[in-house]
Amino acid sequence: MLKRWQADLIDILSADPELVLQHARSLRLVTDRGYKTVRAQLVSTEKVTVLLDLVSDNGPEAAHGLLKLLRSETFQESLPRLSFLKNLTVDRHLSTEETRKRNAEDAEEEQRPAKQQRTTDPQVTEKQLMTVAGALTAIWKEVGIRLLDIKREKLDEIEANERTQKMRVFNMLYHWRNTQRGQATAARLHRLLSDKDLGVAPESLESLLEES
C-alpha cells in the first residue's frame, strides 16, 4: 500500500521526520525497537525510508493507520504537500478477504521485478558505493541533480549532516539506492556514472562491474 507512494512520501516527510515518527510510535505503528532503529539514522531521508519499511512490514492495518495519520488535519497543515493523499481511495471498506487478496497481489506485483532483476543484476552494495564515492567528491552535486534525480534540498541536507566530501557522496548514493530499490543495480549505476560529460575515469568505476 505505502510502496505506491514511497518516493513522494520520503520526499515530503523528510522535511520533518520526527513529527511522523513520534505520532507513529504513539499509535503503535512501529515497535520500540523499530523506533530506535529509525532514530539511529543520521539523514532525514533515511529515517523516513526505514520508517515506511517498518510500517509496511507490520502489515496492511499498520500501513492504513499511517495513511490515516498523514491525512489528518495535523499533518495536512504541517505538511501541505500531503494534500494529494486526501483524494486517494484507501481500501477501508473492502472485506478482510478482499483486502488480503488485494495486498497479496500488490506485493507480488511490486516484488516480481526486483526478484527478476536480482537474478541477473544484483543491487549495488554499500562497499561499492563507498569505493565509487571517492571519485565523485568534486562533482557530487552535479551527479545527484543531473543523473540521479535527487533534489537540491536533499543534497544540501546531506552536506549539512556530513563533514567529509566522501561521506556526503556515499550518503547521496545510499539515498539513491534506497529510493530506487530493485532498480538500484551496480550495472545501472555504472551506466549513469559513465556519462561522458562527467569525465570520471573508467577505472574508478570498475568496482561496480565486479560480482558482489
C-alpha atoms as a PDB file:
ATOM      1  CA  MET A   1       0.000   0.000   0.000  1.00  0.00           C
ATOM      2  CA  LEU A   2       2.647   2.520   1.075  1.00  0.00           C
ATOM      3  CA  LYS A   3       5.074   1.461  -1.633  1.00  0.00           C
ATOM      4  CA  ARG A   4       2.909   3.037  -4.325  1.00  0.00           C
ATOM      5  CA  TRP A   5       3.708   6.499  -2.974  1.00  0.00           C
ATOM      6  CA  GLN A   6       7.006   5.772  -1.225  1.00  0.00           C
ATOM      7  CA  ALA A   7       9.147   8.157  -3.273  1.00  0.00           C
ATOM      8  CA  ASP A   8       6.715  11.046  -2.731  1.00  0.00           C
ATOM      9  CA  LEU A   9       6.331  10.293   0.968  1.00  0.00           C
ATOM     10  CA  ILE A  10      10.087  10.153   1.504  1.00  0.00           C
ATOM     11  CA  ASP A  11      10.453  13.492  -0.235  1.00  0.00           C
ATOM     12  CA  ILE A  12       7.685  15.166   1.781  1.00  0.00           C
ATOM     13  CA  LEU A  13       8.117  13.597   5.220  1.00  0.00           C
ATOM     14  CA  SER A  14      11.879  14.113   5.291  1.00  0.00           C
ATOM     15  CA  ALA A  15      11.116  17.783   5.952  1.00  0.00           C
ATOM     16  CA  ASP A  16      10.073  16.757   9.488  1.00  0.00           C
ATOM     17  CA  PRO A  17      10.761  13.071  10.141  1.00  0.00           C
ATOM     18  CA  GLU A  18      10.488  13.447  13.918  1.00  0.00           C
ATOM     19  CA  LEU A  19       6.876  14.574  13.627  1.00  0.00           C
ATOM     20  CA  VAL A  20       5.726  11.447  11.831  1.00  0.00           C
ATOM     21  CA  LEU A  21       7.983   9.177  13.888  1.00  0.00           C
ATOM     22  CA  GLN A  22       6.582  10.368  17.219  1.00  0.00           C
ATOM     23  CA  HIS A  23       2.991  10.013  16.042  1.00  0.00           C
ATOM     24  CA  ALA A  24       3.677   6.592  14.531  1.00  0.00           C
ATOM     25  CA  ARG A  25       5.146   5.446  17.817  1.00  0.00           C
ATOM     26  CA  SER A  26       2.219   6.772  19.866  1.00  0.00           C
ATOM     27  CA  LEU A  27      -0.188   4.881  17.587  1.00  0.00           C
ATOM     28  CA  ARG A  28       1.962   1.733  17.889  1.00  0.00           C
ATOM     29  CA  LEU A  29       2.556   1.607  14.155  1.00  0.00           C
ATOM     30  CA  VAL A  30       6.181   0.765  14.967  1.00  0.00           C
ATOM     31  CA  THR A  31       7.686  -1.141  17.875  1.00  0.00           C
ATOM     32  CA  ASP A  32      10.042   0.424  20.399  1.00  0.00           C
ATOM     33  CA  ARG A  33      12.881  -1.397  18.695  1.00  0.00           C
ATOM     34  CA  GLY A  34      11.795  -0.045  15.325  1.00  0.00           C
ATOM     35  CA  TYR A  35      11.568   3.438  16.812  1.00  0.00           C
ATOM     36  CA  LYS A  36      15.174   3.224  17.998  1.00  0.00           C
ATOM     37  CA  THR A  37      16.267   1.942  14.597  1.00  0.00           C
ATOM     38  CA  VAL A  38      14.714   4.945  12.870  1.00  0.00           C
ATOM     39  CA  ARG A  39      16.208   7.378  15.397  1.00  0.00           C
ATOM     40  CA  ALA A  40      19.652   5.887  14.734  1.00  0.00           C
ATOM     41  CA  GLN A  41      19.587   7.054  11.105  1.00  0.00           C
ATOM     42  CA  LEU A  42      21.593  10.247  10.578  1.00  0.00           C
ATOM     43  CA  VAL A  43      19.948  11.545   7.412  1.00  0.00           C
ATOM     44  CA  SER A  44      16.296  12.615   7.348  1.00  0.00           C
ATOM     45  CA  THR A  45      15.510  10.757   4.148  1.00  0.00           C
ATOM     46  CA  GLU A  46      16.911   7.553   5.618  1.00  0.00           C
ATOM     47  CA  LYS A  47      14.792   7.985   8.750  1.00  0.00           C
ATOM     48  CA  VAL A  48      11.666   8.178   6.630  1.00  0.00           C
ATOM     49  CA  THR A  49      12.713   5.303   4.371  1.00  0.00           C
ATOM     50  CA  VAL A  50      13.327   2.987   7.315  1.00  0.00           C
ATOM     51  CA  LEU A  51      10.093   4.085   8.998  1.00  0.00           C
ATOM     52  CA  LEU A  52       7.999   3.353   5.905  1.00  0.00           C
ATOM     53  CA  ASP A  53       9.638  -0.050   5.530  1.00  0.00           C
ATOM     54  CA  LEU A  54       8.934  -0.934   9.164  1.00  0.00           C
ATOM     55  CA  VAL A  55       5.300   0.143   8.944  1.00  0.00           C
ATOM     56  CA  SER A  56       4.824  -1.807   5.699  1.00  0.00           C
ATOM     57  CA  ASP A  57       6.365  -4.882   7.313  1.00  0.00           C
ATOM     58  CA  ASN A  58       3.817  -4.633  10.135  1.00  0.00           C
ATOM     59  CA  GLY A  59       1.012  -5.362   7.676  1.00  0.00           C
ATOM     60  CA  PRO A  60      -1.888  -3.613   5.929  1.00  0.00           C
ATOM     61  CA  GLU A  61      -3.503  -2.390   9.151  1.00  0.00           C
ATOM     62  CA  ALA A  62      -0.362  -0.513  10.136  1.00  0.00           C
ATOM     63  CA  ALA A  63       0.007   0.879   6.609  1.00  0.00           C
ATOM     64  CA  HIS A  64      -3.596   2.037   6.628  1.00  0.00           C
ATOM     65  CA  GLY A  65      -3.048   3.565  10.077  1.00  0.00           C
ATOM     66  CA  LEU A  66      -0.130   5.605   8.788  1.00  0.00           C
ATOM     67  CA  LEU A  67      -2.070   6.816   5.746  1.00  0.00           C
ATOM     68  CA  LYS A  68      -4.933   7.825   8.010  1.00  0.00           C
ATOM     69  CA  LEU A  69      -2.464   9.717  10.186  1.00  0.00           C
ATOM     70  CA  LEU A  70      -0.979  11.534   7.188  1.00  0.00           C
ATOM     71  CA  ARG A  71      -4.460  12.539   6.059  1.00  0.00           C
ATOM     72  CA  SER A  72      -5.248  14.032   9.463  1.00  0.00           C
ATOM     73  CA  GLU A  73      -5.605  17.772   9.963  1.00  0.00           C
ATOM     74  CA  THR A  74      -2.341  17.959  11.918  1.00  0.00           C
ATOM     75  CA  PHE A  75      -0.265  16.621   9.044  1.00  0.00           C
ATOM     76  CA  GLN A  76      -2.220  18.342   6.291  1.00  0.00           C
ATOM     77  CA  GLU A  77      -1.495  21.684   7.970  1.00  0.00           C
ATOM     78  CA  SER A  78       2.124  20.933   8.857  1.00  0.00           C
ATOM     79  CA  LEU A  79       3.000  19.366   5.507  1.00  0.00           C
ATOM     80  CA  PRO A  80       0.632  20.791   2.836  1.00  0.00           C
ATOM     81  CA  ARG A  81       2.198  18.686   0.102  1.00  0.00           C
ATOM     82  CA  LEU A  82       0.481  15.670   1.668  1.00  0.00           C
ATOM     83  CA  SER A  83      -2.806  17.010   0.340  1.00  0.00           C
ATOM     84  CA  PHE A  84      -2.616  14.522  -2.553  1.00  0.00           C
ATOM     85  CA  LEU A  85      -3.495  11.787  -0.039  1.00  0.00           C
ATOM     86  CA  LYS A  86      -6.911  13.286   0.632  1.00  0.00           C
ATOM     87  CA  ASN A  87      -8.071  12.417  -2.865  1.00  0.00           C
ATOM     88  CA  LEU A  88      -6.844   8.844  -2.770  1.00  0.00           C
ATOM     89  CA  THR A  89      -9.208   5.960  -2.229  1.00  0.00           C
ATOM     90  CA  VAL A  90      -7.848   3.765   0.523  1.00  0.00           C
ATOM     91  CA  ASP A  91      -9.392   0.302   0.704  1.00  0.00           C
ATOM     92  CA  ARG A  92     -11.131   0.866   4.030  1.00  0.00           C
ATOM     93  CA  HIS A  93     -14.420  -0.731   3.003  1.00  0.00           C
ATOM     94  CA  LEU A  94     -13.094  -3.898   1.474  1.00  0.00           C
ATOM     95  CA  SER A  95     -13.796  -7.120   3.311  1.00  0.00           C
ATOM     96  CA  THR A  96     -10.926  -8.768   5.184  1.00  0.00           C
ATOM     97  CA  GLU A  97     -10.588 -11.381   2.427  1.00  0.00           C
ATOM     98  CA  GLU A  98     -10.641  -8.766  -0.348  1.00  0.00           C
ATOM     99  CA  THR A  99      -8.088  -6.657   1.468  1.00  0.00           C
ATOM    100  CA  ARG A 100      -5.834  -9.655   1.996  1.00  0.00           C
ATOM    101  CA  LYS A 101      -6.129 -10.631  -1.661  1.00  0.00           C
ATOM    102  CA  ARG A 102      -5.503  -7.067  -2.896  1.00  0.00           C
ATOM    103  CA  ASN A 103      -2.415  -6.671  -0.706  1.00  0.00           C
ATOM    104  CA  ALA A 104      -1.089 -10.063  -1.790  1.00  0.00           C
ATOM    105  CA  GLU A 105      -1.493  -9.079  -5.445  1.00  0.00           C
ATOM    106  CA  ASP A 106       0.183  -5.705  -4.855  1.00  0.00           C
ATOM    107  CA  ALA A 107       3.081  -7.319  -3.042  1.00  0.00           C
ATOM    108  CA  GLU A 108       3.545  -9.887  -5.789  1.00  0.00           C
ATOM    109  CA  GLU A 109       3.488  -7.210  -8.472  1.00  0.00           C
ATOM    110  CA  GLU A 110       5.971  -4.994  -6.609  1.00  0.00           C
ATOM    111  CA  GLN A 111       8.374  -7.790  -5.785  1.00  0.00           C
ATOM    112  CA  ARG A 112       8.413  -9.539  -9.147  1.00  0.00           C
ATOM    113  CA  PRO A 113      10.636  -7.036 -11.000  1.00  0.00           C
ATOM    114  CA  ALA A 114      13.077  -6.852  -8.105  1.00  0.00           C
ATOM    115  CA  LYS A 115      13.385 -10.632  -7.949  1.00  0.00           C
ATOM    116  CA  GLN A 116      13.908 -10.881 -11.687  1.00  0.00           C
ATOM    117  CA  GLN A 117      16.470  -8.105 -11.543  1.00  0.00           C
ATOM    118  CA  ARG A 118      18.451  -9.754  -8.742  1.00  0.00           C
ATOM    119  CA  THR A 119      18.832 -12.971 -10.692  1.00  0.00           C
ATOM    120  CA  THR A 120      20.818 -11.217 -13.404  1.00  0.00           C
ATOM    121  CA  ASP A 121      21.906  -7.884 -11.975  1.00  0.00           C
ATOM    122  CA  PRO A 122      22.489  -7.534  -8.213  1.00  0.00           C
ATOM    123  CA  GLN A 123      21.738  -4.406  -6.235  1.00  0.00           C
ATOM    124  CA  VAL A 124      24.751  -2.203  -5.645  1.00  0.00           C
ATOM    125  CA  THR A 125      26.366  -2.813  -2.248  1.00  0.00           C
ATOM    126  CA  GLU A 126      27.409  -0.290   0.383  1.00  0.00           C
ATOM    127  CA  LYS A 127      31.032  -1.286  -0.196  1.00  0.00           C
ATOM    128  CA  GLN A 128      30.726  -0.483  -3.891  1.00  0.00           C
ATOM    129  CA  LEU A 129      29.075   2.850  -3.097  1.00  0.00           C
ATOM    130  CA  MET A 130      31.887   3.800  -0.749  1.00  0.00           C
ATOM    131  CA  THR A 131      34.520   2.825  -3.294  1.00  0.00           C
ATOM    132  CA  VAL A 132      32.903   4.887  -6.042  1.00  0.00           C
ATOM    133  CA  ALA A 133      32.259   7.843  -3.729  1.00  0.00           C
ATOM    134  CA  GLY A 134      35.924   8.818  -3.714  1.00  0.00           C
ATOM    135  CA  ALA A 135      35.843   9.516  -7.447  1.00  0.00           C
ATOM    136  CA  LEU A 136      32.870  11.857  -7.266  1.00  0.00           C
ATOM    137  CA  THR A 137      33.768  14.278  -4.486  1.00  0.00           C
ATOM    138  CA  ALA A 138      34.330  17.234  -6.830  1.00  0.00           C
ATOM    139  CA  ILE A 139      31.164  16.729  -8.871  1.00  0.00           C
ATOM    140  CA  TRP A 140      28.780  15.019  -6.471  1.00  0.00           C
ATOM    141  CA  LYS A 141      26.008  17.608  -6.651  1.00  0.00           C
ATOM    142  CA  GLU A 142      26.025  17.533 -10.444  1.00  0.00           C
ATOM    143  CA  VAL A 143      25.774  13.749 -10.282  1.00  0.00           C
ATOM    144  CA  GLY A 144      22.921  13.944  -7.797  1.00  0.00           C
ATOM    145  CA  ILE A 145      20.848  16.517  -9.638  1.00  0.00           C
ATOM    146  CA  ARG A 146      21.503  15.658 -13.271  1.00  0.00           C
ATOM    147  CA  LEU A 147      21.939  11.896 -13.216  1.00  0.00           C
ATOM    148  CA  LEU A 148      20.299  10.563 -10.069  1.00  0.00           C
ATOM    149  CA  ASP A 149      17.279  12.898  -9.987  1.00  0.00           C
ATOM    150  CA  ILE A 150      17.898  13.963  -6.393  1.00  0.00           C
ATOM    151  CA  LYS A 151      16.573  17.352  -5.389  1.00  0.00           C
ATOM    152  CA  ARG A 152      18.952  20.139  -4.401  1.00  0.00           C
ATOM    153  CA  GLU A 153      17.304  20.397  -0.971  1.00  0.00           C
ATOM    154  CA  LYS A 154      18.261  16.781  -0.231  1.00  0.00           C
ATOM    155  CA  LEU A 155      21.834  17.349  -1.264  1.00  0.00           C
ATOM    156  CA  ASP A 156      22.041  20.430   0.946  1.00  0.00           C
ATOM    157  CA  GLU A 157      20.691  18.388   3.840  1.00  0.00           C
ATOM    158  CA  ILE A 158      23.283  15.678   3.307  1.00  0.00           C
ATOM    159  CA  GLU A 159      26.000  18.307   3.050  1.00  0.00           C
ATOM    160  CA  ALA A 160      24.961  19.823   6.380  1.00  0.00           C
ATOM    161  CA  ASN A 161      24.904  16.443   8.130  1.00  0.00           C
ATOM    162  CA  GLU A 162      28.269  15.148   6.939  1.00  0.00           C
ATOM    163  CA  ARG A 163      31.711  16.671   7.467  1.00  0.00           C
ATOM    164  CA  THR A 164      33.671  14.985   4.701  1.00  0.00           C
ATOM    165  CA  GLN A 165      33.011  15.068   0.975  1.00  0.00           C
ATOM    166  CA  LYS A 166      33.391  11.325   0.621  1.00  0.00           C
ATOM    167  CA  MET A 167      30.695  10.637   3.225  1.00  0.00           C
ATOM    168  CA  ARG A 168      28.434  13.191   1.542  1.00  0.00           C
ATOM    169  CA  VAL A 169      28.789  11.353  -1.747  1.00  0.00           C
ATOM    170  CA  PHE A 170      28.252   7.997  -0.049  1.00  0.00           C
ATOM    171  CA  ASN A 171      25.053   9.161   1.645  1.00  0.00           C
ATOM    172  CA  MET A 172      23.780  10.623  -1.622  1.00  0.00           C
ATOM    173  CA  LEU A 173      24.356   7.287  -3.377  1.00  0.00           C
ATOM    174  CA  TYR A 174      22.874   5.419  -0.417  1.00  0.00           C
ATOM    175  CA  HIS A 175      19.760   7.593  -0.611  1.00  0.00           C
ATOM    176  CA  TRP A 176      19.511   6.856  -4.338  1.00  0.00           C
ATOM    177  CA  ARG A 177      19.823   3.127  -3.680  1.00  0.00           C
ATOM    178  CA  ASN A 178      17.056   3.190  -1.069  1.00  0.00           C
ATOM    179  CA  THR A 179      14.635   5.138  -3.227  1.00  0.00           C
ATOM    180  CA  GLN A 180      15.329   3.096  -6.368  1.00  0.00           C
ATOM    181  CA  ARG A 181      15.257  -0.257  -4.558  1.00  0.00           C
ATOM    182  CA  GLY A 182      15.221  -3.114  -7.093  1.00  0.00           C
ATOM    183  CA  GLN A 183      16.384  -0.798  -9.863  1.00  0.00           C
ATOM    184  CA  ALA A 184      19.453   0.334  -7.920  1.00  0.00           C
ATOM    185  CA  THR A 185      21.783  -2.153  -9.529  1.00  0.00           C
ATOM    186  CA  ALA A 186      25.536  -1.872  -9.808  1.00  0.00           C
ATOM    187  CA  ALA A 187      25.260  -2.085 -13.591  1.00  0.00           C
ATOM    188  CA  ARG A 188      22.733   0.742 -13.780  1.00  0.00           C
ATOM    189  CA  LEU A 189      24.819   2.990 -11.537  1.00  0.00           C
ATOM    190  CA  HIS A 190      27.840   2.221 -13.696  1.00  0.00           C
ATOM    191  CA  ARG A 191      25.950   3.294 -16.814  1.00  0.00           C
ATOM    192  CA  LEU A 192      24.819   6.521 -15.170  1.00  0.00           C
ATOM    193  CA  LEU A 193      28.266   7.446 -13.887  1.00  0.00           C
ATOM    194  CA  SER A 194      29.885   6.608 -17.221  1.00  0.00           C
ATOM    195  CA  ASP A 195      28.256   9.718 -18.677  1.00  0.00           C
ATOM    196  CA  LYS A 196      30.961  11.195 -20.908  1.00  0.00           C
ATOM    197  CA  ASP A 197      30.258  14.734 -19.726  1.00  0.00           C
ATOM    198  CA  LEU A 198      31.244  13.827 -16.163  1.00  0.00           C
ATOM    199  CA  GLY A 199      34.751  12.852 -17.116  1.00  0.00           C
ATOM    200  CA  VAL A 200      35.048  10.179 -14.420  1.00  0.00           C
ATOM    201  CA  ALA A 201      37.962   7.828 -15.040  1.00  0.00           C
ATOM    202  CA  PRO A 202      36.613   4.402 -16.104  1.00  0.00           C
ATOM    203  CA  GLU A 203      38.930   2.621 -13.676  1.00  0.00           C
ATOM    204  CA  SER A 204      37.247   4.474 -10.799  1.00  0.00           C
ATOM    205  CA  LEU A 205      34.011   2.673 -11.620  1.00  0.00           C
ATOM    206  CA  GLU A 206      35.437  -0.815 -12.068  1.00  0.00           C
ATOM    207  CA  SER A 207      34.186  -1.946  -8.654  1.00  0.00           C
ATOM    208  CA  LEU A 208      30.638  -1.652  -9.997  1.00  0.00           C
ATOM    209  CA  LEU A 209      31.393  -4.334 -12.564  1.00  0.00           C
ATOM    210  CA  GLU A 210      32.729  -6.800 -10.023  1.00  0.00           C
ATOM    211  CA  GLU A 211      30.496  -9.522  -8.627  1.00  0.00           C
ATOM    212  CA  SER A 212      29.437  -8.692  -5.068  1.00  0.00           C
END
